[in-house]
Amino acid sequence: MRVLHRLLLNWIYMLCFLGGFINTISIAKYSYTVSHFTGHVSKVAINLKEGNFLEVLKIISIIFSFVLGSTISGYLVGGREFNLKKRYGYCVFTLGCGLLFFYITMKDNLIFFYYLPFMIGVQNGLFISYKGVVVRTSHVSGNLTDAGVYVGHYLKGRKEEKWKVYFCIFTVLIFLLGSFLGIECYYLLRDKVFIVAGVGYILIACIYFSLRHRYRHVLHLTDEHYHFQ
């Protein structure tokens, strides 16, 4: 069971990597983030003040696309804990295929751009918590906050919180690595970098399918409420 936990944790890290990858190439190509929106909400206020209503509409559309993706993710997956029975692989596989489809058919259309926050919304909504830790695979602000909180808990004597500190910090580092390779690939491949991202999502989905098949016996050990806590 410990090996399975480690493999699933590594799979989550892979999604963090792609979250950083997608967000960075979106910034490089479109000058907009697609994974976190505090700044976007502030920009709405600024542009309203300056009368830039088209920009306001664009930012709101980005936010709406993300929320729509999260809504669909919540509907399809449900529950709060990372659960091997859930169909994460199909969701990630669909995201990758969708990215390739929109790239091939309308990469110069705004619809392609709005698909990016949508897919990140779906991705971020796949996980609510893992062993009691909130999982974020598309941004790092919350992970940095959580890392600080768990360090405080550890200093207060709650030694069992130590692994949570490592978890939060490592997700940030993996996100950073994905961001770095994203910008490197963008300057090397330009728009073709989205093909790399799409294939990456499909490969990660296949890894999850492999894990489900390899540990399919675990699905039958307990009732339908089995989860990893």
Foldseek 3Di string as FASTA:
>chain_A
DVVLVVLVLVLLLLLLLLLLLLQLLLCVPPVDGLQDPPVLVVVLVVCVVVVVVVSNVVSVLSVVLLVQLLVVLCVQFPDAEDFLPGLPLVLLLVLLVVLVVCCVPPVPDVVSVSSSSNSLSNVQNNHQDYPRHGRGSNDQPVLVVQLVVLVVVVVVPPVVSVVSNVSSVSSVVSSVNSNVVSVVVCVVPPSCSSNVSSVSSNVSSVSSVVSCVVVVVVCVPDDPVDGHD
